[in-house]
Amino acid sequence: MEFWQVLPVALALVLIIEGIVPFLNPRAWRQMVLGVAQQQDRVIRNVGLGSMLFGLALLYWVH
C-alpha cells in the first residue's frame, strides 16, 4: 500500500479511538480534560513526547 492510502486509514482509526471515551463516559472525559488544562506546559509536553516515542516504537515493532 502507498503512504497516501494508509494515511487516511490511520487518521480514521485515531479518530475512532479518541472518540470512544467521550462517547461511553462523557463525564469522565470532561473531568480528564479539565485536569489536563490545569497541568503545567512542561508536564503536557513530556506526556506528548512520551506518547510520540511510544507510538514510534510501536510502529517500528509492528513494521
N, C-alpha and C. Protein backbone atom coordinates (compact mmCIF):
# COMPACT_ATOMS: atom_id res chain seq x y z
N MET A 1 0.83 -1.19 0.00
CA MET A 1 0.00 0.00 0.00
C MET A 1 0.87 1.25 0.00
N GLU A 2 0.38 2.25 -0.64
CA GLU A 2 1.09 3.52 -0.66
C GLU A 2 0.77 4.34 0.58
N PHE A 3 1.66 5.27 0.86
CA PHE A 3 1.51 6.15 2.02
C PHE A 3 0.17 6.87 2.01
N TRP A 4 -0.23 7.39 0.86
CA TRP A 4 -1.45 8.20 0.78
C TRP A 4 -2.71 7.34 0.89
N GLN A 5 -2.57 6.03 0.78
CA GLN A 5 -3.70 5.13 1.02
C GLN A 5 -3.79 4.77 2.50
N VAL A 6 -2.64 4.66 3.15
CA VAL A 6 -2.60 4.26 4.55
C VAL A 6 -2.91 5.43 5.49
N LEU A 7 -2.47 6.63 5.13
CA LEU A 7 -2.66 7.79 5.99
C LEU A 7 -4.11 8.05 6.37
N PRO A 8 -5.06 8.05 5.43
CA PRO A 8 -6.45 8.28 5.84
C PRO A 8 -6.98 7.17 6.75
N VAL A 9 -6.54 5.95 6.54
CA VAL A 9 -6.96 4.84 7.40
C VAL A 9 -6.43 5.05 8.81
N ALA A 10 -5.16 5.44 8.92
CA ALA A 10 -4.56 5.69 10.23
C ALA A 10 -5.27 6.84 10.94
N LEU A 11 -5.56 7.91 10.23
CA LEU A 11 -6.26 9.04 10.84
C LEU A 11 -7.67 8.66 11.28
N ALA A 12 -8.34 7.85 10.46
CA ALA A 12 -9.68 7.40 10.83
C ALA A 12 -9.63 6.56 12.10
N LEU A 13 -8.64 5.69 12.23
CA LEU A 13 -8.51 4.88 13.44
C LEU A 13 -8.22 5.74 14.66
N VAL A 14 -7.40 6.76 14.51
CA VAL A 14 -7.13 7.67 15.62
C VAL A 14 -8.42 8.35 16.07
N LEU A 15 -9.22 8.82 15.12
CA LEU A 15 -10.47 9.49 15.47
C LEU A 15 -11.45 8.53 16.16
N ILE A 16 -11.50 7.29 15.69
CA ILE A 16 -12.38 6.30 16.32
C ILE A 16 -11.93 6.03 17.75
N ILE A 17 -10.64 5.81 17.94
CA ILE A 17 -10.12 5.50 19.27
C ILE A 17 -10.29 6.70 20.20
N GLU A 18 -10.02 7.91 19.69
CA GLU A 18 -10.17 9.12 20.51
C GLU A 18 -11.63 9.36 20.89
N GLY A 19 -12.56 8.89 20.09
CA GLY A 19 -13.97 9.13 20.35
C GLY A 19 -14.62 8.13 21.29
N ILE A 20 -13.92 7.06 21.63
CA ILE A 20 -14.53 6.02 22.47
C ILE A 20 -14.86 6.54 23.86
N VAL A 21 -13.92 7.18 24.53
CA VAL A 21 -14.15 7.62 25.91
C VAL A 21 -15.24 8.69 26.00
N PRO A 22 -15.21 9.75 25.18
CA PRO A 22 -16.29 10.73 25.30
C PRO A 22 -17.66 10.14 24.96
N PHE A 23 -17.70 9.14 24.10
CA PHE A 23 -18.97 8.50 23.76
C PHE A 23 -19.48 7.65 24.92
N LEU A 24 -18.59 6.86 25.51
CA LEU A 24 -19.02 5.95 26.58
C LEU A 24 -19.20 6.63 27.93
N ASN A 25 -18.34 7.61 28.22
CA ASN A 25 -18.39 8.24 29.54
C ASN A 25 -18.02 9.72 29.42
N PRO A 26 -18.95 10.55 28.96
CA PRO A 26 -18.61 11.97 28.75
C PRO A 26 -18.24 12.71 30.03
N ARG A 27 -18.79 12.31 31.16
CA ARG A 27 -18.47 12.99 32.43
C ARG A 27 -16.99 12.77 32.79
N ALA A 28 -16.52 11.53 32.67
CA ALA A 28 -15.12 11.24 32.97
C ALA A 28 -14.19 11.94 31.97
N TRP A 29 -14.61 12.00 30.71
CA TRP A 29 -13.79 12.67 29.70
C TRP A 29 -13.66 14.16 30.03
N ARG A 30 -14.78 14.79 30.43
CA ARG A 30 -14.76 16.20 30.78
C ARG A 30 -13.83 16.45 31.96
N GLN A 31 -13.91 15.59 32.98
CA GLN A 31 -13.03 15.74 34.15
C GLN A 31 -11.57 15.57 33.75
N MET A 32 -11.29 14.65 32.85
CA MET A 32 -9.92 14.44 32.39
C MET A 32 -9.41 15.68 31.66
N VAL A 33 -10.24 16.26 30.80
CA VAL A 33 -9.84 17.45 30.05
C VAL A 33 -9.59 18.62 31.00
N LEU A 34 -10.45 18.78 32.00
CA LEU A 34 -10.24 19.84 32.98
C LEU A 34 -8.95 19.62 33.77
N GLY A 35 -8.66 18.37 34.09
CA GLY A 35 -7.41 18.06 34.80
C GLY A 35 -6.19 18.36 33.96
N VAL A 36 -6.26 18.04 32.68
CA VAL A 36 -5.14 18.32 31.78
C VAL A 36 -4.96 19.83 31.63
N ALA A 37 -6.06 20.57 31.57
CA ALA A 37 -5.98 22.03 31.42
C ALA A 37 -5.27 22.68 32.61
N GLN A 38 -5.27 22.02 33.75
CA GLN A 38 -4.64 22.58 34.95
C GLN A 38 -3.16 22.20 35.07
N GLN A 39 -2.68 21.32 34.20
CA GLN A 39 -1.28 20.90 34.26
C GLN A 39 -0.36 21.97 33.68
N GLN A 40 0.87 21.95 34.11
CA GLN A 40 1.87 22.86 33.56
C GLN A 40 2.25 22.44 32.15
N ASP A 41 2.71 23.39 31.34
CA ASP A 41 3.10 23.10 29.97
C ASP A 41 4.16 22.02 29.91
N ARG A 42 5.10 22.05 30.84
CA ARG A 42 6.18 21.07 30.86
C ARG A 42 5.63 19.65 30.98
N VAL A 43 4.65 19.47 31.83
CA VAL A 43 4.05 18.14 32.03
C VAL A 43 3.34 17.68 30.77
N ILE A 44 2.58 18.58 30.16
CA ILE A 44 1.86 18.23 28.94
C ILE A 44 2.84 17.89 27.82
N ARG A 45 3.93 18.66 27.71
CA ARG A 45 4.94 18.37 26.69
C ARG A 45 5.58 17.00 26.93
N ASN A 46 5.89 16.69 28.18
CA ASN A 46 6.50 15.40 28.49
C ASN A 46 5.56 14.24 28.15
N VAL A 47 4.29 14.41 28.44
CA VAL A 47 3.31 13.37 28.10
C VAL A 47 3.23 13.23 26.57
N GLY A 48 3.21 14.35 25.87
CA GLY A 48 3.18 14.31 24.41
C GLY A 48 4.41 13.65 23.83
N LEU A 49 5.57 13.98 24.38
CA LEU A 49 6.81 13.35 23.91
C LEU A 49 6.79 11.85 24.18
N GLY A 50 6.36 11.47 25.37
CA GLY A 50 6.28 10.05 25.69
C GLY A 50 5.33 9.31 24.77
N SER A 51 4.21 9.94 24.46
CA SER A 51 3.23 9.34 23.56
C SER A 51 3.81 9.16 22.16
N MET A 52 4.51 10.19 21.67
CA MET A 52 5.12 10.09 20.34
C MET A 52 6.20 9.01 20.30
N LEU A 53 7.03 8.95 21.34
CA LEU A 53 8.08 7.93 21.37
C LEU A 53 7.51 6.52 21.46
N PHE A 54 6.44 6.37 22.26
CA PHE A 54 5.78 5.07 22.36
C PHE A 54 5.17 4.68 21.01
N GLY A 55 4.53 5.64 20.34
CA GLY A 55 3.95 5.37 19.02
C GLY A 55 5.01 5.02 18.00
N LEU A 56 6.14 5.71 18.06
CA LEU A 56 7.24 5.41 17.14
C LEU A 56 7.80 4.02 17.39
N ALA A 57 7.99 3.67 18.65
CA ALA A 57 8.49 2.33 18.99
C ALA A 57 7.49 1.26 18.56
N LEU A 58 6.21 1.51 18.78
CA LEU A 58 5.18 0.55 18.38
C LEU A 58 5.14 0.39 16.86
N LEU A 59 5.24 1.50 16.14
CA LEU A 59 5.27 1.44 14.69
C LEU A 59 6.49 0.67 14.20
N TYR A 60 7.65 0.91 14.80
CA TYR A 60 8.86 0.20 14.42
C TYR A 60 8.72 -1.30 14.69
N TRP A 61 8.12 -1.63 15.84
CA TRP A 61 7.96 -3.04 16.23
C TRP A 61 6.98 -3.76 15.29
N VAL A 62 5.90 -3.09 14.93
CA VAL A 62 4.89 -3.71 14.07
C VAL A 62 5.38 -3.82 12.64
N HIS A 63 6.11 -2.82 12.20
CA HIS A 63 6.56 -2.81 10.81
C HIS A 63 7.82 -3.63 10.69
